[in-house]
């Protein structure tokens, strides 16, 4: 009991030192108001909560519960024995995803679009970091290349929405290959620094090359169309309004629902592509490169093409996400592609489980929707979001869903 009180007291003191400047000092005009009760209340709650949790964890029931919830921590990867038969669950999730526009408002559909965009970005970065084991802190550069590929492709080449999707993907893949060449011999921190610099270079070029990219003012992006049908009240691109063609009442939500449906189909196709790719020799070469590059090269695997393919594939998926971001916003500028975005995408991959496709999808949705749910907390939203991330990492240190290696049975064996 004495040690529990001591630990709880130290934890409450640290909490008071952290919460004091955050909640105890409030700006009022040109002065500062001191509210000492708020940090004291929070420190008291932390003390009581930590004491109760410590006493419970040290009991026999608490030790049994901890073993069942946290599980073993002796490995990060397990082997999936055969097929799990989750086809009905997958079909139910897909049916729910396609039916969301029937229940959600336009605002929440927009949030769902943003969540799916981050799913694409997380899938792309998961190829580079989770499968190939190369730390990339400048992944936002490929996101920007895809978005500006759509905007500038329309500005100078007259590309529409449907043509911009493969164009943005190929352009981002090309940039991924260009980044891959200088970093073939780099690992760990050095690789992270170079990729971070690459992301900042792309942002600065977009910001300073005003005659081509529009600079800080950004570039307008045309709205998506459905076989020439436009989702505006009046046709602006030489086509015909969607509501007029189908003889229905005009609604600004039509464009959002259409973009959500197309993006959902693209996410499903890319997810299937990534899952199948992992089972192919290229995907296993990525994982071999992640585990031990020297052993990988000794087995005859070309590490140059393997690294370049990982960078290109991941960048391609990120470029597709950038195209849909530009289409949903209708406008792009360099301020949307900062280092914070790269850090957030990396957090999604780490919290979801590096190498786990399902895990990064779930984490991308959670980390996108959770801040919107916590918006009612106003100034404490970021604090609550951070606490939720800390608790999730304590509960699942290997990520929400641990990655599983596919099991390949030997023919003829029992």
Foldseek 3Di string as FASTA:
>chain_A
DVVLLVVLLVQLVVQLVVCQVQPQWDDDPPDTHGDNVVSNVVSVVSSVVSSVLVVLCPDPNNVVVCCVQQPDDPDQAAADDDDPPCPVVVVVVVVCLLCVVVPDDLVVLLLVLQLLLLLLLLLLVLLQCQQQNADALQLLLLLQQLQLQQQLCCVPVVDALVRSLQSLLQRLLVVLLVLLVVCLPPGDPVRHVSNQVVNVVSLVCLQPVCVRQVHQVFGFGDAHADVQADLDPADDPPGHHPCVVVVHDRDNSVSSSVLSVVSVVVSVVVLVVSVVVCVDPLVVLSNVNNVPVVVSVVVVDDSSVSNSVSSSRSSSSSSSSSSSVCNSVRTDGSVVRDSVVSVVSVLLCQQQARQASVSSSVSSSCLSVQLVVLVVVPSCSVVVSVVVSVVSCVSPVRHPDRHYDYDDDDPPDD
